[in-house]
Amino acid sequence: MLYAKNNLESRRREYIGQLSALTRRLLPNAEEGQLINVCKKIIDRAIEMKNMMMEEQALFHTVWVNRGDELKETDVEPVEEEPGGKILLCVFPGLARTIIKDEKQEEVIVVKALVNTERAFVVQM
């Protein structure tokens, strides 16, 4: 565990670079700053999810958001700065924890899913 904590920042930068290179191939016309910011969000979210799962052994499960769902910022986090419309694409899953209390199950969102909304793909001319 100590090794992982000591090398976290260097590994984080490495993964952001790898994801950016892959994403650059998929979206060659994307603005570099925006591309890096999205990759940082995705990698940071993955690290946060891993840490949460390691800290507490409970009933965790991933949460994918469906295309066409309404944007509820209590459950999801939009990637774009000015989101609008319904959810178009779930970029990274969220993490939820199931709590069983008094024979009732309750789902608590621990890490919000990252999503793109319809506004992200509107072409302005």
C-alpha atoms as a PDB file:
ATOM      1  CA  MET A   1       0.000   0.000   0.000  1.00  0.00           C
ATOM      2  CA  LEU A   2       2.863   2.365   0.829  1.00  0.00           C
ATOM      3  CA  TYR A   3       4.369   1.826  -2.635  1.00  0.00           C
ATOM      4  CA  ALA A   4       1.059   2.727  -4.258  1.00  0.00           C
ATOM      5  CA  LYS A   5       0.737   5.945  -2.236  1.00  0.00           C
ATOM      6  CA  ASN A   6       4.340   6.974  -2.919  1.00  0.00           C
ATOM      7  CA  ASN A   7       3.965   6.526  -6.671  1.00  0.00           C
ATOM      8  CA  LEU A   8       0.406   7.757  -7.028  1.00  0.00           C
ATOM      9  CA  GLU A   9       1.152  11.115  -8.678  1.00  0.00           C
ATOM     10  CA  SER A  10       3.665   9.727 -11.175  1.00  0.00           C
ATOM     11  CA  ARG A  11       1.305   6.871 -12.105  1.00  0.00           C
ATOM     12  CA  ARG A  12      -1.597   9.329 -12.350  1.00  0.00           C
ATOM     13  CA  ARG A  13       0.362  11.486 -14.824  1.00  0.00           C
ATOM     14  CA  GLU A  14       1.364   8.381 -16.773  1.00  0.00           C
ATOM     15  CA  TYR A  15      -2.249   7.183 -17.069  1.00  0.00           C
ATOM     16  CA  ILE A  16      -3.496  10.637 -18.039  1.00  0.00           C
ATOM     17  CA  GLY A  17      -0.860  10.706 -20.799  1.00  0.00           C
ATOM     18  CA  GLN A  18      -1.823   7.251 -22.048  1.00  0.00           C
ATOM     19  CA  LEU A  19      -5.540   8.044 -22.039  1.00  0.00           C
ATOM     20  CA  SER A  20      -4.898  11.387 -23.757  1.00  0.00           C
ATOM     21  CA  ALA A  21      -2.889   9.680 -26.510  1.00  0.00           C
ATOM     22  CA  LEU A  22      -5.657   7.149 -27.074  1.00  0.00           C
ATOM     23  CA  THR A  23      -8.376   9.796 -27.030  1.00  0.00           C
ATOM     24  CA  ARG A  24      -6.356  12.015 -29.402  1.00  0.00           C
ATOM     25  CA  ARG A  25      -6.514   9.192 -31.981  1.00  0.00           C
ATOM     26  CA  LEU A  26     -10.289   8.991 -31.594  1.00  0.00           C
ATOM     27  CA  LEU A  27     -10.857  12.772 -31.579  1.00  0.00           C
ATOM     28  CA  PRO A  28      -8.003  14.337 -33.584  1.00  0.00           C
ATOM     29  CA  ASN A  29      -9.725  17.750 -33.855  1.00  0.00           C
ATOM     30  CA  ALA A  30     -10.463  18.117 -30.133  1.00  0.00           C
ATOM     31  CA  GLU A  31      -8.902  21.041 -28.302  1.00  0.00           C
ATOM     32  CA  GLU A  32      -5.849  19.847 -26.344  1.00  0.00           C
ATOM     33  CA  GLY A  33      -6.775  21.575 -23.077  1.00  0.00           C
ATOM     34  CA  GLN A  34     -10.296  20.172 -23.057  1.00  0.00           C
ATOM     35  CA  LEU A  35      -9.046  16.706 -23.929  1.00  0.00           C
ATOM     36  CA  ILE A  36      -6.543  16.695 -21.054  1.00  0.00           C
ATOM     37  CA  ASN A  37      -9.162  18.023 -18.589  1.00  0.00           C
ATOM     38  CA  VAL A  38     -11.593  15.222 -19.500  1.00  0.00           C
ATOM     39  CA  CYS A  39      -8.827  12.621 -19.204  1.00  0.00           C
ATOM     40  CA  LYS A  40      -7.847  14.023 -15.785  1.00  0.00           C
ATOM     41  CA  LYS A  41     -11.460  13.758 -14.601  1.00  0.00           C
ATOM     42  CA  ILE A  42     -11.715  10.154 -15.792  1.00  0.00           C
ATOM     43  CA  ILE A  43      -8.418   9.050 -14.213  1.00  0.00           C
ATOM     44  CA  ASP A  44      -9.115  10.921 -10.965  1.00  0.00           C
ATOM     45  CA  ARG A  45     -12.540   9.302 -10.807  1.00  0.00           C
ATOM     46  CA  ALA A  46     -10.998   5.844 -11.329  1.00  0.00           C
ATOM     47  CA  ILE A  47      -8.463   6.464  -8.533  1.00  0.00           C
ATOM     48  CA  GLU A  48     -11.208   7.744  -6.228  1.00  0.00           C
ATOM     49  CA  MET A  49     -13.332   4.677  -6.982  1.00  0.00           C
ATOM     50  CA  LYS A  50     -10.419   2.311  -6.307  1.00  0.00           C
ATOM     51  CA  ASN A  51      -9.621   4.011  -3.016  1.00  0.00           C
ATOM     52  CA  MET A  52     -13.244   3.919  -1.864  1.00  0.00           C
ATOM     53  CA  MET A  53     -13.521   0.227  -2.672  1.00  0.00           C
ATOM     54  CA  MET A  54     -10.312  -0.562  -0.796  1.00  0.00           C
ATOM     55  CA  GLU A  55     -11.231   1.386   2.344  1.00  0.00           C
ATOM     56  CA  GLU A  56     -14.501  -0.260   3.178  1.00  0.00           C
ATOM     57  CA  GLN A  57     -15.688  -3.739   2.401  1.00  0.00           C
ATOM     58  CA  ALA A  58     -19.372  -3.325   1.657  1.00  0.00           C
ATOM     59  CA  LEU A  59     -21.767  -4.090  -1.153  1.00  0.00           C
ATOM     60  CA  PHE A  60     -20.462  -1.866  -3.931  1.00  0.00           C
ATOM     61  CA  HIS A  61     -21.579  -1.878  -7.525  1.00  0.00           C
ATOM     62  CA  THR A  62     -21.026   0.251 -10.589  1.00  0.00           C
ATOM     63  CA  VAL A  63     -23.716   2.585 -11.854  1.00  0.00           C
ATOM     64  CA  TRP A  64     -24.038   3.166 -15.580  1.00  0.00           C
ATOM     65  CA  VAL A  65     -26.375   5.881 -16.760  1.00  0.00           C
ATOM     66  CA  ASN A  66     -28.601   5.269 -19.766  1.00  0.00           C
ATOM     67  CA  ARG A  67     -28.788   7.434 -22.873  1.00  0.00           C
ATOM     68  CA  GLY A  68     -31.869   9.611 -22.753  1.00  0.00           C
ATOM     69  CA  ASP A  69     -32.066   9.796 -18.948  1.00  0.00           C
ATOM     70  CA  GLU A  70     -32.685  13.188 -17.397  1.00  0.00           C
ATOM     71  CA  LEU A  71     -29.632  14.980 -16.011  1.00  0.00           C
ATOM     72  CA  LYS A  72     -29.751  14.718 -12.196  1.00  0.00           C
ATOM     73  CA  GLU A  73     -26.601  16.306 -10.819  1.00  0.00           C
ATOM     74  CA  THR A  74     -27.091  14.454  -7.539  1.00  0.00           C
ATOM     75  CA  ASP A  75     -26.308  11.187  -9.353  1.00  0.00           C
ATOM     76  CA  VAL A  76     -24.055  12.221 -12.255  1.00  0.00           C
ATOM     77  CA  GLU A  77     -21.413  14.795 -13.102  1.00  0.00           C
ATOM     78  CA  PRO A  78     -21.399  16.306 -16.593  1.00  0.00           C
ATOM     79  CA  VAL A  79     -18.008  16.456 -18.317  1.00  0.00           C
ATOM     80  CA  GLU A  80     -18.766  19.662 -20.204  1.00  0.00           C
ATOM     81  CA  GLU A  81     -18.738  23.011 -18.428  1.00  0.00           C
ATOM     82  CA  GLU A  82     -22.221  24.015 -19.658  1.00  0.00           C
ATOM     83  CA  PRO A  83     -24.342  20.860 -19.774  1.00  0.00           C
ATOM     84  CA  GLY A  84     -27.715  20.851 -21.419  1.00  0.00           C
ATOM     85  CA  GLY A  85     -30.382  18.420 -22.503  1.00  0.00           C
ATOM     86  CA  LYS A  86     -30.623  14.755 -21.660  1.00  0.00           C
ATOM     87  CA  ILE A  87     -27.748  12.347 -21.102  1.00  0.00           C
ATOM     88  CA  LEU A  88     -26.156  11.271 -24.352  1.00  0.00           C
ATOM     89  CA  LEU A  89     -23.214   9.151 -23.215  1.00  0.00           C
ATOM     90  CA  CYS A  90     -21.944   7.690 -19.938  1.00  0.00           C
ATOM     91  CA  VAL A  91     -18.186   8.300 -20.096  1.00  0.00           C
ATOM     92  CA  PHE A  92     -17.259   6.662 -16.788  1.00  0.00           C
ATOM     93  CA  PRO A  93     -19.438   4.640 -14.414  1.00  0.00           C
ATOM     94  CA  GLY A  94     -20.341   5.754 -10.945  1.00  0.00           C
ATOM     95  CA  LEU A  95     -19.992   3.723  -7.792  1.00  0.00           C
ATOM     96  CA  ALA A  96     -22.851   3.026  -5.424  1.00  0.00           C
ATOM     97  CA  ARG A  97     -23.025   1.291  -2.086  1.00  0.00           C
ATOM     98  CA  THR A  98     -25.962  -0.783  -0.950  1.00  0.00           C
ATOM     99  CA  ILE A  99     -26.877  -0.325   2.695  1.00  0.00           C
ATOM    100  CA  ILE A 100     -29.222  -2.797   4.321  1.00  0.00           C
ATOM    101  CA  LYS A 101     -30.968  -1.264   7.315  1.00  0.00           C
ATOM    102  CA  ASP A 102     -34.089  -2.530   9.054  1.00  0.00           C
ATOM    103  CA  GLU A 103     -34.610  -5.071   6.254  1.00  0.00           C
ATOM    104  CA  LYS A 104     -34.706  -2.259   3.679  1.00  0.00           C
ATOM    105  CA  GLN A 105     -32.109  -1.703   1.000  1.00  0.00           C
ATOM    106  CA  GLU A 106     -30.895   1.779   0.224  1.00  0.00           C
ATOM    107  CA  GLU A 107     -28.503   2.754  -2.552  1.00  0.00           C
ATOM    108  CA  VAL A 108     -26.071   5.574  -1.834  1.00  0.00           C
ATOM    109  CA  ILE A 109     -24.049   7.138  -4.645  1.00  0.00           C
ATOM    110  CA  VAL A 110     -20.407   7.209  -3.566  1.00  0.00           C
ATOM    111  CA  VAL A 111     -18.819   8.332  -6.848  1.00  0.00           C
ATOM    112  CA  LYS A 112     -20.934  10.084  -9.479  1.00  0.00           C
ATOM    113  CA  ALA A 113     -20.924   8.795 -13.056  1.00  0.00           C
ATOM    114  CA  LEU A 114     -19.325  11.093 -15.649  1.00  0.00           C
ATOM    115  CA  VAL A 115     -21.621  11.870 -18.566  1.00  0.00           C
ATOM    116  CA  ASN A 116     -21.853  13.921 -21.735  1.00  0.00           C
ATOM    117  CA  THR A 117     -25.144  15.661 -22.397  1.00  0.00           C
ATOM    118  CA  GLU A 118     -26.762  16.439 -25.714  1.00  0.00           C
ATOM    119  CA  ARG A 119     -25.274  19.948 -25.695  1.00  0.00           C
ATOM    120  CA  ALA A 120     -21.731  18.500 -25.891  1.00  0.00           C
ATOM    121  CA  PHE A 121     -22.365  17.343 -29.447  1.00  0.00           C
ATOM    122  CA  VAL A 122     -24.144  20.391 -30.839  1.00  0.00           C
ATOM    123  CA  VAL A 123     -22.154  21.801 -33.748  1.00  0.00           C
ATOM    124  CA  GLN A 124     -22.012  25.584 -33.760  1.00  0.00           C
ATOM    125  CA  MET A 125     -21.508  27.266 -37.106  1.00  0.00           C
END
